N, C-alpha and C. Protein backbone atom coordinates (compact mmCIF):
# COMPACT_ATOMS: atom_id res chain seq x y z
N MET A 1 36.95 -24.40 -3.60
CA MET A 1 36.22 -23.11 -2.96
C MET A 1 36.60 -21.86 -3.79
N LYS A 2 37.83 -21.54 -4.08
CA LYS A 2 38.25 -20.40 -4.73
C LYS A 2 37.77 -20.20 -6.14
N ASN A 3 37.71 -21.22 -6.83
CA ASN A 3 37.28 -21.45 -8.10
C ASN A 3 35.51 -21.05 -8.20
N LEU A 4 34.90 -21.51 -7.00
CA LEU A 4 33.47 -21.33 -7.01
C LEU A 4 33.20 -19.93 -6.61
N LYS A 5 34.11 -18.89 -5.88
CA LYS A 5 33.83 -17.69 -5.77
C LYS A 5 34.07 -16.68 -7.07
N LEU A 6 35.24 -17.42 -7.75
CA LEU A 6 35.26 -16.52 -8.75
C LEU A 6 34.02 -16.81 -10.05
N TYR A 7 33.49 -18.16 -10.11
CA TYR A 7 32.33 -18.22 -10.93
C TYR A 7 31.29 -17.46 -10.54
N ILE A 8 30.88 -17.14 -9.06
CA ILE A 8 29.80 -16.45 -8.51
C ILE A 8 29.99 -15.12 -9.31
N PHE A 9 31.33 -14.69 -8.89
CA PHE A 9 31.87 -13.21 -9.16
C PHE A 9 31.31 -13.15 -10.84
N LEU A 10 32.00 -13.93 -11.67
CA LEU A 10 31.84 -13.85 -12.84
C LEU A 10 30.20 -13.73 -13.52
N MET A 11 29.69 -14.63 -12.68
CA MET A 11 28.05 -14.81 -13.12
C MET A 11 27.34 -13.18 -12.65
N ALA A 12 27.98 -12.71 -11.89
CA ALA A 12 27.31 -11.22 -11.64
C ALA A 12 27.89 -10.28 -12.06
N VAL A 13 28.97 -10.46 -12.83
CA VAL A 13 29.63 -9.30 -13.59
C VAL A 13 29.38 -9.31 -15.07
N LEU A 14 29.47 -10.36 -15.51
CA LEU A 14 29.43 -10.64 -16.85
C LEU A 14 28.25 -10.26 -17.62
N PRO A 15 26.91 -10.23 -17.06
CA PRO A 15 25.84 -9.69 -17.83
C PRO A 15 25.78 -8.06 -17.90
N TRP A 16 26.44 -7.53 -17.01
CA TRP A 16 26.66 -6.28 -16.94
C TRP A 16 27.21 -5.74 -18.13
N LEU A 17 28.43 -6.34 -18.63
CA LEU A 17 29.11 -6.30 -19.61
C LEU A 17 28.31 -5.92 -21.11
N SER A 18 27.10 -6.43 -21.39
CA SER A 18 26.45 -6.47 -22.34
C SER A 18 25.40 -5.23 -22.60
N LEU A 19 25.51 -4.63 -21.41
CA LEU A 19 24.83 -3.32 -21.21
C LEU A 19 25.06 -2.27 -22.55
N PRO A 20 26.31 -2.33 -22.70
CA PRO A 20 26.38 -0.90 -23.82
C PRO A 20 26.22 -1.47 -25.25
N LEU A 21 26.03 -2.92 -25.13
CA LEU A 21 25.73 -3.45 -26.58
C LEU A 21 23.96 -3.33 -26.94
N LEU A 22 23.11 -2.91 -25.77
CA LEU A 22 21.84 -2.79 -25.74
C LEU A 22 21.24 -1.44 -26.72
N GLY A 23 22.14 -0.44 -26.76
CA GLY A 23 21.87 0.60 -27.12
C GLY A 23 21.18 1.43 -26.24
N LYS A 24 21.17 2.84 -26.63
CA LYS A 24 20.47 3.86 -25.77
C LYS A 24 18.78 3.61 -25.91
N GLN A 25 18.49 3.69 -27.07
CA GLN A 25 16.80 3.59 -27.34
C GLN A 25 16.09 2.24 -26.57
N THR A 26 16.71 1.11 -26.73
CA THR A 26 16.23 0.00 -26.08
C THR A 26 16.42 0.00 -24.34
N PHE A 27 17.48 0.62 -23.89
CA PHE A 27 17.77 0.73 -22.42
C PHE A 27 16.86 1.58 -21.89
N ARG A 28 16.64 2.61 -22.55
CA ARG A 28 15.47 3.76 -21.98
C ARG A 28 13.98 3.33 -22.25
N LYS A 29 13.93 2.22 -23.30
CA LYS A 29 12.25 1.42 -23.35
C LYS A 29 12.17 0.57 -22.26
N PHE A 30 13.33 -0.10 -21.75
CA PHE A 30 13.06 -1.03 -20.71
C PHE A 30 13.25 -0.85 -19.46
N LEU A 31 13.72 0.48 -19.22
CA LEU A 31 14.24 0.78 -17.68
C LEU A 31 12.91 1.12 -16.95
N PRO A 32 12.13 1.69 -17.11
CA PRO A 32 10.64 1.97 -16.36
C PRO A 32 10.30 0.56 -15.82
N GLY A 33 10.01 -0.54 -16.78
CA GLY A 33 9.70 -1.68 -16.13
C GLY A 33 10.42 -2.55 -15.55
N THR A 34 11.83 -2.30 -15.62
CA THR A 34 12.85 -3.09 -14.84
C THR A 34 12.82 -2.32 -13.39
N LEU A 35 12.53 -1.11 -13.58
CA LEU A 35 12.61 -0.63 -12.12
C LEU A 35 11.33 -0.76 -11.20
N PHE A 36 10.18 -0.95 -12.07
CA PHE A 36 9.09 -1.03 -11.08
C PHE A 36 9.11 -2.44 -10.78
N MET A 37 9.70 -3.52 -11.67
CA MET A 37 9.54 -4.88 -10.79
C MET A 37 10.68 -5.10 -9.88
N ALA A 38 11.70 -4.43 -9.92
CA ALA A 38 12.73 -4.43 -8.70
C ALA A 38 12.63 -3.86 -7.88
N ILE A 39 11.32 -2.93 -7.59
CA ILE A 39 10.92 -2.08 -6.38
C ILE A 39 9.60 -3.01 -5.89
N TYR A 40 9.04 -3.42 -6.85
CA TYR A 40 7.93 -4.43 -6.49
C TYR A 40 8.37 -5.77 -5.91
N LEU A 41 9.34 -6.37 -6.51
CA LEU A 41 9.83 -7.73 -5.49
C LEU A 41 10.77 -7.12 -4.43
N ILE A 42 11.21 -5.96 -4.04
CA ILE A 42 11.85 -5.61 -2.86
C ILE A 42 10.66 -5.33 -1.69
N PHE A 43 9.34 -4.67 -2.03
CA PHE A 43 8.43 -4.80 -1.16
C PHE A 43 7.81 -6.22 -0.94
N GLU A 44 7.80 -7.02 -2.08
CA GLU A 44 7.04 -8.21 -1.90
C GLU A 44 7.64 -9.07 -0.82
N GLY A 45 9.24 -8.89 -1.01
CA GLY A 45 10.21 -9.76 -0.13
C GLY A 45 9.82 -9.52 1.24
N ARG A 46 9.92 -8.07 1.61
CA ARG A 46 9.57 -7.71 2.91
C ARG A 46 8.25 -8.20 3.59
N LEU A 47 7.32 -8.08 2.80
CA LEU A 47 5.85 -8.16 3.12
C LEU A 47 5.86 -9.97 3.58
N ALA A 48 6.52 -10.72 2.63
CA ALA A 48 6.52 -12.25 2.91
C ALA A 48 7.31 -12.27 3.98
N GLU A 49 8.43 -12.16 4.38
CA GLU A 49 9.01 -12.33 5.45
C GLU A 49 8.28 -11.81 6.82
N LYS A 50 7.47 -10.58 6.65
CA LYS A 50 6.55 -10.03 7.74
C LYS A 50 5.49 -11.01 8.12
N ARG A 51 4.95 -11.58 6.81
CA ARG A 51 3.84 -12.45 6.95
C ARG A 51 4.29 -14.24 7.00
N LYS A 52 5.59 -14.06 7.12
CA LYS A 52 5.98 -15.56 7.27
C LYS A 52 5.23 -16.63 5.82
N TRP A 53 5.33 -16.07 4.71
CA TRP A 53 4.83 -16.93 3.55
C TRP A 53 5.86 -18.01 3.20
N TRP A 54 7.21 -17.50 3.58
CA TRP A 54 8.26 -18.56 3.25
C TRP A 54 8.58 -19.51 4.64
N TRP A 55 8.64 -20.83 4.41
CA TRP A 55 9.22 -21.26 5.79
C TRP A 55 9.57 -22.58 5.18
N PHE A 56 10.75 -23.24 5.89
CA PHE A 56 11.50 -24.33 5.22
C PHE A 56 11.07 -25.66 6.61
N PRO A 57 10.73 -26.44 6.34
CA PRO A 57 10.39 -27.54 7.30
C PRO A 57 11.87 -28.13 7.82
N LEU A 58 12.78 -27.87 7.69
CA LEU A 58 14.19 -28.62 8.19
C LEU A 58 15.07 -27.31 8.22
N LYS A 59 15.77 -27.54 8.65
CA LYS A 59 17.12 -26.71 8.73
C LYS A 59 18.46 -27.52 8.06
N LEU A 60 19.08 -26.62 7.02
CA LEU A 60 20.27 -27.29 6.44
C LEU A 60 21.54 -26.81 7.10
N ASN A 61 22.68 -27.25 7.43
CA ASN A 61 23.55 -26.69 7.66
C ASN A 61 24.36 -26.40 6.54
N GLN A 62 25.54 -25.95 6.75
CA GLN A 62 26.29 -25.07 5.63
C GLN A 62 27.28 -26.34 5.09
N THR A 63 27.36 -27.40 5.95
CA THR A 63 28.12 -28.57 5.33
C THR A 63 27.49 -29.24 4.17
N TYR A 64 26.01 -29.28 4.38
CA TYR A 64 25.37 -30.19 3.35
C TYR A 64 25.60 -29.33 2.12
N TRP A 65 25.29 -27.99 2.15
CA TRP A 65 25.60 -27.25 0.62
C TRP A 65 26.89 -27.44 -0.04
N VAL A 66 27.93 -27.54 0.74
CA VAL A 66 29.20 -27.66 0.26
C VAL A 66 29.47 -29.03 -0.10
N ASN A 67 28.80 -29.97 0.10
CA ASN A 67 28.94 -31.57 -0.14
C ASN A 67 28.24 -31.58 -1.59
N CYS A 68 27.26 -30.80 -1.86
CA CYS A 68 26.51 -30.97 -2.75
C CYS A 68 27.35 -30.48 -4.19
N LEU A 69 27.94 -29.30 -3.75
CA LEU A 69 28.59 -28.75 -4.61
C LEU A 69 29.75 -29.47 -5.08
């Protein structure tokens, strides 16, 4: 379990370390599109929860996920 948490942490942090390698011009080029998509997905997720677009036919308890990993 300890290694799993470390793995998840590294998956979240390591991509951010490549940010300085992009360069200022490339970063400024893609920033507006990135921000737009992030805001769009936040609002889409909230709308989907409100309208119940996502549902799961069965409930899986936490022990199921632990046994799969």
